[in-house]
């Protein structure tokens, strides 16, 4: 499936990444694979959850930095 262009498509499809099904809660599923690995490489079914957690972390850090810089 790697590099196959179907009729009506311009961009070749890539093969899907390895996927591991986890039978646990979202928190333990994310922590079992690591937050960054699950969010960026989508290694299990909790990739979207991990991406939202990563978004909240980055928004919090950005907000704190903007507040600190506005004080000086």
C-alpha atoms as a PDB file:
ATOM      1  CA  UNK A   1       0.000   0.000   0.000  1.00  0.00           C
ATOM      2  CA  UNK A   2       3.021   2.246   0.275  1.00  0.00           C
ATOM      3  CA  UNK A   3       3.053   4.826  -2.524  1.00  0.00           C
ATOM      4  CA  UNK A   4      -0.195   3.673  -4.146  1.00  0.00           C
ATOM      5  CA  UNK A   5      -2.171   6.383  -5.950  1.00  0.00           C
ATOM      6  CA  UNK A   6      -5.832   5.514  -6.430  1.00  0.00           C
ATOM      7  CA  UNK A   7      -8.052   6.938  -9.144  1.00  0.00           C
ATOM      8  CA  UNK A   8      -9.127  10.486  -8.316  1.00  0.00           C
ATOM      9  CA  UNK A   9      -6.364  10.984  -5.756  1.00  0.00           C
ATOM     10  CA  UNK A  10      -3.213  13.024  -6.238  1.00  0.00           C
ATOM     11  CA  UNK A  11      -1.299  12.194  -3.064  1.00  0.00           C
ATOM     12  CA  UNK A  12       0.006   8.653  -2.596  1.00  0.00           C
ATOM     13  CA  UNK A  13      -1.176   6.879   0.531  1.00  0.00           C
ATOM     14  CA  UNK A  14       1.277   5.627   3.123  1.00  0.00           C
ATOM     15  CA  UNK A  15       0.907   2.431   5.058  1.00  0.00           C
ATOM     16  CA  UNK A  16      -0.730   2.846   8.475  1.00  0.00           C
ATOM     17  CA  UNK A  17       1.552   2.883  11.542  1.00  0.00           C
ATOM     18  CA  UNK A  18       1.789   0.023  14.018  1.00  0.00           C
ATOM     19  CA  UNK A  19      -1.221   0.159  16.319  1.00  0.00           C
ATOM     20  CA  UNK A  20      -1.492  -1.409  19.765  1.00  0.00           C
ATOM     21  CA  UNK A  21      -4.936  -1.956  21.292  1.00  0.00           C
ATOM     22  CA  UNK A  22      -4.927  -1.164  25.041  1.00  0.00           C
ATOM     23  CA  UNK A  23      -7.610  -2.537  27.373  1.00  0.00           C
ATOM     24  CA  UNK A  24      -7.328   0.037  30.146  1.00  0.00           C
ATOM     25  CA  UNK A  25      -8.367   3.572  31.016  1.00  0.00           C
ATOM     26  CA  UNK A  26      -7.289   6.577  28.963  1.00  0.00           C
ATOM     27  CA  UNK A  27      -4.768   7.769  31.558  1.00  0.00           C
ATOM     28  CA  UNK A  28      -3.038   4.405  31.919  1.00  0.00           C
ATOM     29  CA  UNK A  29      -3.188   3.866  28.159  1.00  0.00           C
ATOM     30  CA  UNK A  30      -1.423   7.167  27.537  1.00  0.00           C
ATOM     31  CA  UNK A  31       1.155   6.584  30.273  1.00  0.00           C
ATOM     32  CA  UNK A  32       1.907   3.031  29.095  1.00  0.00           C
ATOM     33  CA  UNK A  33       3.126   4.314  25.740  1.00  0.00           C
ATOM     34  CA  UNK A  34       4.398   7.700  26.890  1.00  0.00           C
ATOM     35  CA  UNK A  35       2.560  10.982  26.346  1.00  0.00           C
ATOM     36  CA  UNK A  36       4.661  12.242  23.437  1.00  0.00           C
ATOM     37  CA  UNK A  37       4.829   8.905  21.646  1.00  0.00           C
ATOM     38  CA  UNK A  38       1.073   8.326  21.887  1.00  0.00           C
ATOM     39  CA  UNK A  39       0.276  11.911  20.854  1.00  0.00           C
ATOM     40  CA  UNK A  40       2.736  12.235  17.975  1.00  0.00           C
ATOM     41  CA  UNK A  41       2.992   8.683  16.629  1.00  0.00           C
ATOM     42  CA  UNK A  42      -0.559   7.539  17.506  1.00  0.00           C
ATOM     43  CA  UNK A  43       0.616   4.191  18.899  1.00  0.00           C
ATOM     44  CA  UNK A  44      -2.723   3.275  20.495  1.00  0.00           C
ATOM     45  CA  UNK A  45      -6.364   4.349  20.473  1.00  0.00           C
ATOM     46  CA  UNK A  46      -5.734   7.208  22.925  1.00  0.00           C
ATOM     47  CA  UNK A  47      -3.818   9.407  20.453  1.00  0.00           C
ATOM     48  CA  UNK A  48      -6.487  12.149  20.300  1.00  0.00           C
ATOM     49  CA  UNK A  49      -6.743  12.222  24.105  1.00  0.00           C
ATOM     50  CA  UNK A  50      -2.976  12.547  24.424  1.00  0.00           C
ATOM     51  CA  UNK A  51      -2.945  15.337  21.840  1.00  0.00           C
ATOM     52  CA  UNK A  52      -5.550  17.307  23.834  1.00  0.00           C
ATOM     53  CA  UNK A  53      -3.520  16.856  27.040  1.00  0.00           C
ATOM     54  CA  UNK A  54      -0.421  18.044  25.178  1.00  0.00           C
ATOM     55  CA  UNK A  55      -2.379  21.050  23.895  1.00  0.00           C
ATOM     56  CA  UNK A  56      -3.485  21.977  27.434  1.00  0.00           C
ATOM     57  CA  UNK A  57       0.093  21.675  28.716  1.00  0.00           C
ATOM     58  CA  UNK A  58       1.464  23.867  25.930  1.00  0.00           C
ATOM     59  CA  UNK A  59      -1.308  26.467  26.372  1.00  0.00           C
ATOM     60  CA  UNK A  60      -0.632  26.611  30.121  1.00  0.00           C
ATOM     61  CA  UNK A  61       3.114  27.054  29.622  1.00  0.00           C
ATOM     62  CA  UNK A  62       2.519  29.734  26.987  1.00  0.00           C
ATOM     63  CA  UNK A  63       0.072  31.583  29.257  1.00  0.00           C
ATOM     64  CA  UNK A  64       2.495  31.502  32.183  1.00  0.00           C
ATOM     65  CA  UNK A  65       5.352  32.782  30.025  1.00  0.00           C
ATOM     66  CA  UNK A  66       3.227  35.615  28.617  1.00  0.00           C
ATOM     67  CA  UNK A  67       2.170  36.633  32.123  1.00  0.00           C
ATOM     68  CA  UNK A  68       5.756  36.566  33.404  1.00  0.00           C
ATOM     69  CA  UNK A  69       6.993  38.636  30.431  1.00  0.00           C
ATOM     70  CA  UNK A  70       4.214  41.191  30.929  1.00  0.00           C
ATOM     71  CA  UNK A  71       5.377  41.827  34.496  1.00  0.00           C
ATOM     72  CA  UNK A  72       8.813  43.054  33.393  1.00  0.00           C
END
